[in-house]
PDB file of N, CA and C in Angstrom:
ATOM      1  N   MET A   1    -106.526  -5.797  33.864  1.00  0.00           N
ATOM      2  CA  MET A   1    -106.947  -6.969  34.240  1.00  0.00           C
ATOM      3  C   MET A   1    -107.218  -7.317  35.660  1.00  0.00           C
ATOM      4  N   ASN A   2    -108.271  -7.968  36.066  1.00  0.00           N
ATOM      5  CA  ASN A   2    -108.495  -8.193  37.508  1.00  0.00           C
ATOM      6  C   ASN A   2    -107.796  -9.312  37.946  1.00  0.00           C
ATOM      7  N   ARG A   3    -108.014  -9.550  39.398  1.00  0.00           N
ATOM      8  CA  ARG A   3    -107.175 -10.725  39.691  1.00  0.00           C
ATOM      9  C   ARG A   3    -107.764 -11.923  39.325  1.00  0.00           C
ATOM     10  N   SER A   4    -108.935 -12.311  39.275  1.00  0.00           N
ATOM     11  CA  SER A   4    -109.549 -13.514  38.769  1.00  0.00           C
ATOM     12  C   SER A   4    -109.274 -13.835  37.389  1.00  0.00           C
ATOM     13  N   GLU A   5    -109.184 -12.598  36.619  1.00  0.00           N
ATOM     14  CA  GLU A   5    -108.637 -13.160  35.252  1.00  0.00           C
ATOM     15  C   GLU A   5    -107.191 -13.411  35.217  1.00  0.00           C
ATOM     16  N   LYS A   6    -106.302 -12.682  35.890  1.00  0.00           N
ATOM     17  CA  LYS A   6    -105.014 -13.217  35.765  1.00  0.00           C
ATOM     18  C   LYS A   6    -104.821 -14.527  36.587  1.00  0.00           C
ATOM     19  N   THR A   7    -105.515 -14.732  37.366  1.00  0.00           N
ATOM     20  CA  THR A   7    -105.573 -16.380  37.862  1.00  0.00           C
ATOM     21  C   THR A   7    -105.835 -17.252  36.932  1.00  0.00           C
ATOM     22  N   LEU A   8    -107.142 -16.891  36.389  1.00  0.00           N
ATOM     23  CA  LEU A   8    -107.584 -17.918  35.108  1.00  0.00           C
ATOM     24  C   LEU A   8    -106.473 -18.117  34.177  1.00  0.00           C
ATOM     25  N   LEU A   9    -105.976 -16.985  33.561  1.00  0.00           N
ATOM     26  CA  LEU A   9    -105.154 -17.020  32.381  1.00  0.00           C
ATOM     27  C   LEU A   9    -103.953 -17.762  33.031  1.00  0.00           C
ATOM     28  N   ALA A  10    -103.206 -17.555  34.217  1.00  0.00           N
ATOM     29  CA  ALA A  10    -102.280 -18.289  34.594  1.00  0.00           C
ATOM     30  C   ALA A  10    -102.414 -19.848  34.713  1.00  0.00           C
ATOM     31  N   PHE A  11    -103.853 -20.152  35.192  1.00  0.00           N
ATOM     32  CA  PHE A  11    -104.281 -21.402  35.152  1.00  0.00           C
ATOM     33  C   PHE A  11    -104.071 -22.309  33.886  1.00  0.00           C
ATOM     34  N   MET A  12    -104.583 -21.491  32.944  1.00  0.00           N
ATOM     35  CA  MET A  12    -104.815 -21.841  31.721  1.00  0.00           C
ATOM     36  C   MET A  12    -103.346 -22.058  30.801  1.00  0.00           C
ATOM     37  N   VAL A  13    -102.770 -21.087  30.885  1.00  0.00           N
ATOM     38  CA  VAL A  13    -101.381 -21.238  30.382  1.00  0.00           C
ATOM     39  C   VAL A  13    -100.325 -22.224  31.065  1.00  0.00           C
ATOM     40  N   GLY A  14    -100.701 -22.619  32.313  1.00  0.00           N
ATOM     41  CA  GLY A  14     -99.663 -23.582  33.228  1.00  0.00           C
ATOM     42  C   GLY A  14    -100.222 -24.753  32.595  1.00  0.00           C
ATOM     43  N   ALA A  15    -101.787 -25.119  32.429  1.00  0.00           N
ATOM     44  CA  ALA A  15    -102.298 -26.370  32.251  1.00  0.00           C
ATOM     45  C   ALA A  15    -101.722 -26.760  30.912  1.00  0.00           C
ATOM     46  N   ALA A  16    -101.989 -25.622  29.840  1.00  0.00           N
ATOM     47  CA  ALA A  16    -101.287 -26.063  28.325  1.00  0.00           C
ATOM     48  C   ALA A  16     -99.780 -26.187  28.427  1.00  0.00           C
ATOM     49  N   ILE A  17     -98.900 -25.720  28.887  1.00  0.00           N
ATOM     50  CA  ILE A  17     -97.476 -26.016  29.292  1.00  0.00           C
ATOM     51  C   ILE A  17     -97.474 -27.301  29.934  1.00  0.00           C
ATOM     52  N   GLY A  18     -98.002 -27.699  30.668  1.00  0.00           N
ATOM     53  CA  GLY A  18     -98.027 -28.746  31.505  1.00  0.00           C
ATOM     54  C   GLY A  18     -98.544 -30.190  30.415  1.00  0.00           C
ATOM     55  N   GLY A  19     -99.476 -29.805  29.677  1.00  0.00           N
ATOM     56  CA  GLY A  19     -99.912 -30.892  28.998  1.00  0.00           C
ATOM     57  C   GLY A  19     -98.922 -31.013  27.758  1.00  0.00           C
ATOM     58  N   VAL A  20     -98.549 -30.078  27.278  1.00  0.00           N
ATOM     59  CA  VAL A  20     -97.556 -30.383  26.202  1.00  0.00           C
ATOM     60  C   VAL A  20     -96.195 -31.142  26.736  1.00  0.00           C
ATOM     61  N   ALA A  21     -95.833 -30.442  27.986  1.00  0.00           N
ATOM     62  CA  ALA A  21     -94.731 -30.873  28.514  1.00  0.00           C
ATOM     63  C   ALA A  21     -94.946 -32.563  28.729  1.00  0.00           C
ATOM     64  N   GLY A  22     -95.897 -33.056  29.216  1.00  0.00           N
ATOM     65  CA  GLY A  22     -96.245 -34.306  29.340  1.00  0.00           C
ATOM     66  C   GLY A  22     -96.034 -35.267  28.307  1.00  0.00           C
ATOM     67  N   LEU A  23     -96.962 -34.561  27.214  1.00  0.00           N
ATOM     68  CA  LEU A  23     -96.831 -35.221  25.793  1.00  0.00           C
ATOM     69  C   LEU A  23     -95.559 -35.496  25.435  1.00  0.00           C
ATOM     70  N   LEU A  24     -94.570 -34.351  25.298  1.00  0.00           N
ATOM     71  CA  LEU A  24     -93.384 -34.514  24.783  1.00  0.00           C
ATOM     72  C   LEU A  24     -92.471 -35.484  25.512  1.00  0.00           C
ATOM     73  N   PHE A  25     -92.625 -35.565  26.763  1.00  0.00           N
ATOM     74  CA  PHE A  25     -91.843 -36.649  27.552  1.00  0.00           C
ATOM     75  C   PHE A  25     -92.393 -38.097  28.066  1.00  0.00           C
ATOM     76  N   ALA A  26     -93.484 -38.263  27.354  1.00  0.00           N
ATOM     77  CA  ALA A  26     -94.224 -39.566  27.329  1.00  0.00           C
ATOM     78  C   ALA A  26     -93.374 -40.497  26.362  1.00  0.00           C
ATOM     79  N   PRO A  27     -93.405 -41.581  26.763  1.00  0.00           N
ATOM     80  CA  PRO A  27     -92.564 -42.563  25.851  1.00  0.00           C
ATOM     81  C   PRO A  27     -93.567 -43.258  24.659  1.00  0.00           C
ATOM     82  N   ALA A  28     -93.746 -42.145  23.456  1.00  0.00           N
ATOM     83  CA  ALA A  28     -94.437 -42.471  22.614  1.00  0.00           C
ATOM     84  C   ALA A  28     -93.874 -42.289  21.336  1.00  0.00           C
ATOM     85  N   LYS A  29     -94.220 -42.812  20.138  1.00  0.00           N
ATOM     86  CA  LYS A  29     -93.720 -42.206  18.939  1.00  0.00           C
ATOM     87  C   LYS A  29     -93.973 -40.894  18.393  1.00  0.00           C
ATOM     88  N   GLY A  30     -92.912 -40.342  17.840  1.00  0.00           N
ATOM     89  CA  GLY A  30     -93.361 -38.899  17.213  1.00  0.00           C
ATOM     90  C   GLY A  30     -94.615 -38.744  16.735  1.00  0.00           C
ATOM     91  N   LYS A  31     -94.740 -39.474  15.553  1.00  0.00           N
ATOM     92  CA  LYS A  31     -95.995 -39.580  14.786  1.00  0.00           C
ATOM     93  C   LYS A  31     -97.374 -39.459  15.958  1.00  0.00           C
ATOM     94  N   LYS A  32     -97.601 -40.262  16.779  1.00  0.00           N
ATOM     95  CA  LYS A  32     -98.344 -40.295  17.644  1.00  0.00           C
ATOM     96  C   LYS A  32     -98.499 -39.064  18.578  1.00  0.00           C
ATOM     97  N   THR A  33     -97.399 -38.710  19.104  1.00  0.00           N
ATOM     98  CA  THR A  33     -97.428 -37.664  19.880  1.00  0.00           C
ATOM     99  C   THR A  33     -97.846 -36.317  19.306  1.00  0.00           C
ATOM    100  N   ARG A  34     -97.288 -36.189  18.018  1.00  0.00           N
ATOM    101  CA  ARG A  34     -97.878 -34.901  17.278  1.00  0.00           C
ATOM    102  C   ARG A  34     -99.183 -34.939  17.047  1.00  0.00           C
ATOM    103  N   LYS A  35     -99.750 -36.194  16.876  1.00  0.00           N
ATOM    104  CA  LYS A  35    -101.411 -36.277  16.651  1.00  0.00           C
ATOM    105  C   LYS A  35    -102.167 -36.045  18.067  1.00  0.00           C
ATOM    106  N   LYS A  36    -101.545 -36.230  19.141  1.00  0.00           N
ATOM    107  CA  LYS A  36    -102.075 -36.063  20.252  1.00  0.00           C
ATOM    108  C   LYS A  36    -102.165 -34.333  20.583  1.00  0.00           C
ATOM    109  N   LEU A  37    -100.975 -34.041  20.311  1.00  0.00           N
ATOM    110  CA  LEU A  37    -100.718 -32.335  20.464  1.00  0.00           C
ATOM    111  C   LEU A  37    -101.819 -31.734  19.739  1.00  0.00           C
ATOM    112  N   ALA A  38    -101.788 -32.208  18.553  1.00  0.00           N
ATOM    113  CA  ALA A  38    -102.824 -31.419  17.530  1.00  0.00           C
ATOM    114  C   ALA A  38    -104.235 -31.605  17.972  1.00  0.00           C
ATOM    115  N   GLN A  39    -104.587 -32.588  18.634  1.00  0.00           N
ATOM    116  CA  GLN A  39    -105.929 -33.042  19.069  1.00  0.00           C
ATOM    117  C   GLN A  39    -106.225 -31.887  20.280  1.00  0.00           C
ATOM    118  N   LYS A  40    -104.905 -31.828  21.318  1.00  0.00           N
ATOM    119  CA  LYS A  40    -105.372 -31.373  22.343  1.00  0.00           C
ATOM    120  C   LYS A  40    -105.475 -29.565  22.091  1.00  0.00           C
ATOM    121  N   ALA A  41    -104.727 -29.255  21.191  1.00  0.00           N
ATOM    122  CA  ALA A  41    -104.774 -27.981  20.756  1.00  0.00           C
ATOM    123  C   ALA A  41    -106.044 -27.595  20.076  1.00  0.00           C
ATOM    124  N   ASN A  42    -106.759 -28.546  19.350  1.00  0.00           N
ATOM    125  CA  ASN A  42    -108.158 -28.128  18.939  1.00  0.00           C
ATOM    126  C   ASN A  42    -109.145 -28.196  19.872  1.00  0.00           C
ATOM    127  N   GLU A  43    -108.789 -28.932  20.898  1.00  0.00           N
ATOM    128  CA  GLU A  43    -109.932 -29.035  21.898  1.00  0.00           C
ATOM    129  C   GLU A  43    -109.780 -27.898  22.594  1.00  0.00           C
ATOM    130  N   LEU A  44    -108.539 -27.375  23.170  1.00  0.00           N
ATOM    131  CA  LEU A  44    -108.360 -26.077  23.687  1.00  0.00           C
ATOM    132  C   LEU A  44    -108.865 -25.007  22.889  1.00  0.00           C
ATOM    133  N   LYS A  45    -108.864 -24.861  21.537  1.00  0.00           N
ATOM    134  CA  LYS A  45    -109.330 -23.951  21.073  1.00  0.00           C
ATOM    135  C   LYS A  45    -110.769 -23.868  20.833  1.00  0.00           C
ATOM    136  N   ASP A  46    -111.292 -25.118  20.819  1.00  0.00           N
ATOM    137  CA  ASP A  46    -112.757 -25.162  20.711  1.00  0.00           C
ATOM    138  C   ASP A  46    -113.593 -24.668  22.089  1.00  0.00           C
ATOM    139  N   GLU A  47    -112.907 -25.084  23.233  1.00  0.00           N
ATOM    140  CA  GLU A  47    -113.175 -24.754  24.594  1.00  0.00           C
ATOM    141  C   GLU A  47    -113.248 -23.228  24.988  1.00  0.00           C
ATOM    142  N   LEU A  48    -112.012 -22.745  24.257  1.00  0.00           N
ATOM    143  CA  LEU A  48    -111.973 -21.204  24.583  1.00  0.00           C
ATOM    144  C   LEU A  48    -112.911 -20.491  23.838  1.00  0.00           C
ATOM    145  N   SER A  49    -113.252 -20.989  22.545  1.00  0.00           N
ATOM    146  CA  SER A  49    -114.145 -20.375  21.519  1.00  0.00           C
ATOM    147  C   SER A  49    -115.533 -20.273  22.198  1.00  0.00           C
ATOM    148  N   GLU A  50    -116.027 -21.362  22.806  1.00  0.00           N
ATOM    149  CA  GLU A  50    -117.340 -21.570  23.519  1.00  0.00           C
ATOM    150  C   GLU A  50    -117.270 -20.553  24.687  1.00  0.00           C
ATOM    151  N   ASN A  51    -116.272 -20.571  25.340  1.00  0.00           N
ATOM    152  CA  ASN A  51    -116.354 -19.690  26.589  1.00  0.00           C
ATOM    153  C   ASN A  51    -116.291 -18.142  26.435  1.00  0.00           C
ATOM    154  N   TRP A  52    -115.571 -17.663  25.730  1.00  0.00           N
ATOM    155  CA  TRP A  52    -115.259 -16.194  25.540  1.00  0.00           C
ATOM    156  C   TRP A  52    -115.386 -15.644  24.218  1.00  0.00           C
ATOM    157  N   ASP A  53    -115.617 -14.488  24.203  1.00  0.00           N
ATOM    158  CA  ASP A  53    -116.009 -13.763  22.921  1.00  0.00           C
ATOM    159  C   ASP A  53    -114.556 -13.216  22.487  1.00  0.00           C
ATOM    160  N   SER A  54    -114.454 -13.306  21.173  1.00  0.00           N
ATOM    161  CA  SER A  54    -113.301 -12.474  20.476  1.00  0.00           C
ATOM    162  C   SER A  54    -112.583 -11.520  21.159  1.00  0.00           C
ATOM    163  N   ASP A  55    -113.397 -10.515  21.448  1.00  0.00           N
ATOM    164  CA  ASP A  55    -112.898  -9.151  22.024  1.00  0.00           C
ATOM    165  C   ASP A  55    -112.283  -9.485  23.438  1.00  0.00           C
ATOM    166  N   LYS A  56    -112.926 -10.240  24.219  1.00  0.00           N
ATOM    167  CA  LYS A  56    -112.391 -10.513  25.598  1.00  0.00           C
ATOM    168  C   LYS A  56    -111.260 -11.510  25.497  1.00  0.00           C
ATOM    169  N   MET A  57    -111.017 -12.222  24.257  1.00  0.00           N
ATOM    170  CA  MET A  57    -109.822 -12.891  24.164  1.00  0.00           C
ATOM    171  C   MET A  57    -108.491 -12.204  23.670  1.00  0.00           C
ATOM    172  N   LYS A  58    -108.911 -11.267  22.771  1.00  0.00           N
ATOM    173  CA  LYS A  58    -108.066 -10.236  22.467  1.00  0.00           C
ATOM    174  C   LYS A  58    -107.697  -9.620  23.484  1.00  0.00           C
ATOM    175  N   SER A  59    -108.417  -9.045  24.272  1.00  0.00           N
ATOM    176  CA  SER A  59    -108.065  -8.321  25.704  1.00  0.00           C
ATOM    177  C   SER A  59    -106.890  -8.957  26.562  1.00  0.00           C
ATOM    178  N   LEU A  60    -107.269 -10.402  26.726  1.00  0.00           N
ATOM    179  CA  LEU A  60    -106.344 -11.152  27.630  1.00  0.00           C
ATOM    180  C   LEU A  60    -105.229 -11.380  27.008  1.00  0.00           C
ATOM    181  N   GLY A  61    -105.402 -11.501  25.746  1.00  0.00           N
ATOM    182  CA  GLY A  61    -103.969 -11.825  24.912  1.00  0.00           C
ATOM    183  C   GLY A  61    -102.918 -10.758  25.004  1.00  0.00           C
ATOM    184  N   ARG A  62    -103.564  -9.317  24.885  1.00  0.00           N
ATOM    185  CA  ARG A  62    -102.962  -8.300  25.266  1.00  0.00           C
ATOM    186  C   ARG A  62    -102.329  -7.895  26.455  1.00  0.00           C
ATOM    187  N   SER A  63    -103.095  -8.360  27.351  1.00  0.00           N
ATOM    188  CA  SER A  63    -102.525  -8.330  28.928  1.00  0.00           C
ATOM    189  C   SER A  63    -101.649  -9.192  29.109  1.00  0.00           C
ATOM    190  N   ALA A  64    -101.753 -10.326  28.686  1.00  0.00           N
ATOM    191  CA  ALA A  64    -100.637 -11.330  28.924  1.00  0.00           C
ATOM    192  C   ALA A  64     -99.590 -10.938  28.338  1.00  0.00           C
ATOM    193  N   LEU A  65     -99.616 -10.517  26.938  1.00  0.00           N
ATOM    194  CA  LEU A  65     -98.342  -9.994  26.470  1.00  0.00           C
ATOM    195  C   LEU A  65     -97.588  -9.168  27.167  1.00  0.00           C
ATOM    196  N   SER A  66     -98.389  -8.305  27.464  1.00  0.00           N
ATOM    197  CA  SER A  66     -97.822  -7.000  28.202  1.00  0.00           C
ATOM    198  C   SER A  66     -97.184  -7.592  29.526  1.00  0.00           C
ATOM    199  N   GLU A  67     -97.881  -8.393  30.324  1.00  0.00           N
ATOM    200  CA  GLU A  67     -97.149  -8.851  31.640  1.00  0.00           C
ATOM    201  C   GLU A  67     -95.961  -9.766  31.302  1.00  0.00           C
ATOM    202  N   VAL A  68     -95.842 -10.368  29.904  1.00  0.00           N
ATOM    203  CA  VAL A  68     -94.774 -11.140  29.617  1.00  0.00           C
ATOM    204  C   VAL A  68     -93.518 -10.092  29.523  1.00  0.00           C
ATOM    205  N   GLU A  69     -93.831  -9.167  28.410  1.00  0.00           N
ATOM    206  CA  GLU A  69     -92.771  -8.007  28.409  1.00  0.00           C
ATOM    207  C   GLU A  69     -92.402  -7.382  29.600  1.00  0.00           C
ATOM    208  N   LYS A  70     -93.214  -6.994  30.457  1.00  0.00           N
ATOM    209  CA  LYS A  70     -92.851  -6.334  31.928  1.00  0.00           C
ATOM    210  C   LYS A  70     -91.584  -7.452  32.686  1.00  0.00           C
ATOM    211  N   TYR A  71     -92.353  -8.606  32.847  1.00  0.00           N
ATOM    212  CA  TYR A  71     -91.276  -9.393  33.580  1.00  0.00           C
ATOM    213  C   TYR A  71     -89.966  -9.692  32.630  1.00  0.00           C
ATOM    214  N   GLY A  72     -90.142  -9.679  31.498  1.00  0.00           N
ATOM    215  CA  GLY A  72     -88.831 -10.059  30.668  1.00  0.00           C
ATOM    216  C   GLY A  72     -87.902  -8.650  30.603  1.00  0.00           C
ATOM    217  N   LYS A  73     -88.528  -7.718  30.581  1.00  0.00           N
ATOM    218  CA  LYS A  73     -87.598  -6.554  31.105  1.00  0.00           C
ATOM    219  C   LYS A  73     -86.863  -6.499  32.449  1.00  0.00           C
ATOM    220  N   LYS A  74     -87.822  -6.983  33.323  1.00  0.00           N
ATOM    221  CA  LYS A  74     -87.284  -7.145  34.785  1.00  0.00           C
ATOM    222  C   LYS A  74     -85.957  -8.006  34.966  1.00  0.00           C
ATOM    223  N   LEU A  75     -86.229  -9.159  34.044  1.00  0.00           N
ATOM    224  CA  LEU A  75     -85.310 -10.151  34.005  1.00  0.00           C
ATOM    225  C   LEU A  75     -84.144  -9.673  33.556  1.00  0.00           C
ATOM    226  N   THR A  76     -84.199  -8.922  32.277  1.00  0.00           N
ATOM    227  CA  THR A  76     -83.060  -8.621  31.435  1.00  0.00           C
ATOM    228  C   THR A  76     -82.423  -7.774  32.501  1.00  0.00           C
ATOM    229  N   LYS A  77     -82.797  -6.733  33.068  1.00  0.00           N
ATOM    230  CA  LYS A  77     -82.146  -5.832  34.066  1.00  0.00           C
ATOM    231  C   LYS A  77     -81.476  -6.560  35.146  1.00  0.00           C
ATOM    232  N   THR A  78     -82.058  -7.621  35.546  1.00  0.00           N
ATOM    233  CA  THR A  78     -81.435  -8.445  36.559  1.00  0.00           C
ATOM    234  C   THR A  78     -80.410  -9.248  36.384  1.00  0.00           C
ATOM    235  N   VAL A  79     -80.238  -9.784  35.103  1.00  0.00           N
ATOM    236  CA  VAL A  79     -79.349 -10.361  34.218  1.00  0.00           C
ATOM    237  C   VAL A  79     -78.183  -9.417  34.175  1.00  0.00           C
ATOM    238  N   LYS A  80     -78.383  -8.468  33.568  1.00  0.00           N
ATOM    239  CA  LYS A  80     -77.420  -7.316  33.253  1.00  0.00           C
ATOM    240  C   LYS A  80     -76.848  -6.658  34.465  1.00  0.00           C
ATOM    241  N   SER A  81     -77.329  -6.786  35.724  1.00  0.00           N
ATOM    242  CA  SER A  81     -76.574  -6.327  36.996  1.00  0.00           C
ATOM    243  C   SER A  81     -75.734  -7.038  37.384  1.00  0.00           C
TER     244      SER A  81
END
């Protein structure tokens, strides 16, 4: 995974996390919040399907999972030390 793909992936993950956190902490009723979350998830899914083919998405997903596992192992080692 090259640097620009990593940057794009990090931005997308950060935006998704920020959006979910914003909705969860917003002063709205649960039903309304769940509806907003579902709508945003569908919008993100549609945007991703329009912009990338499935092979590239699978590749990015595997790369992201690999990075998470790598940093998880480092964190585990640090905590155990």
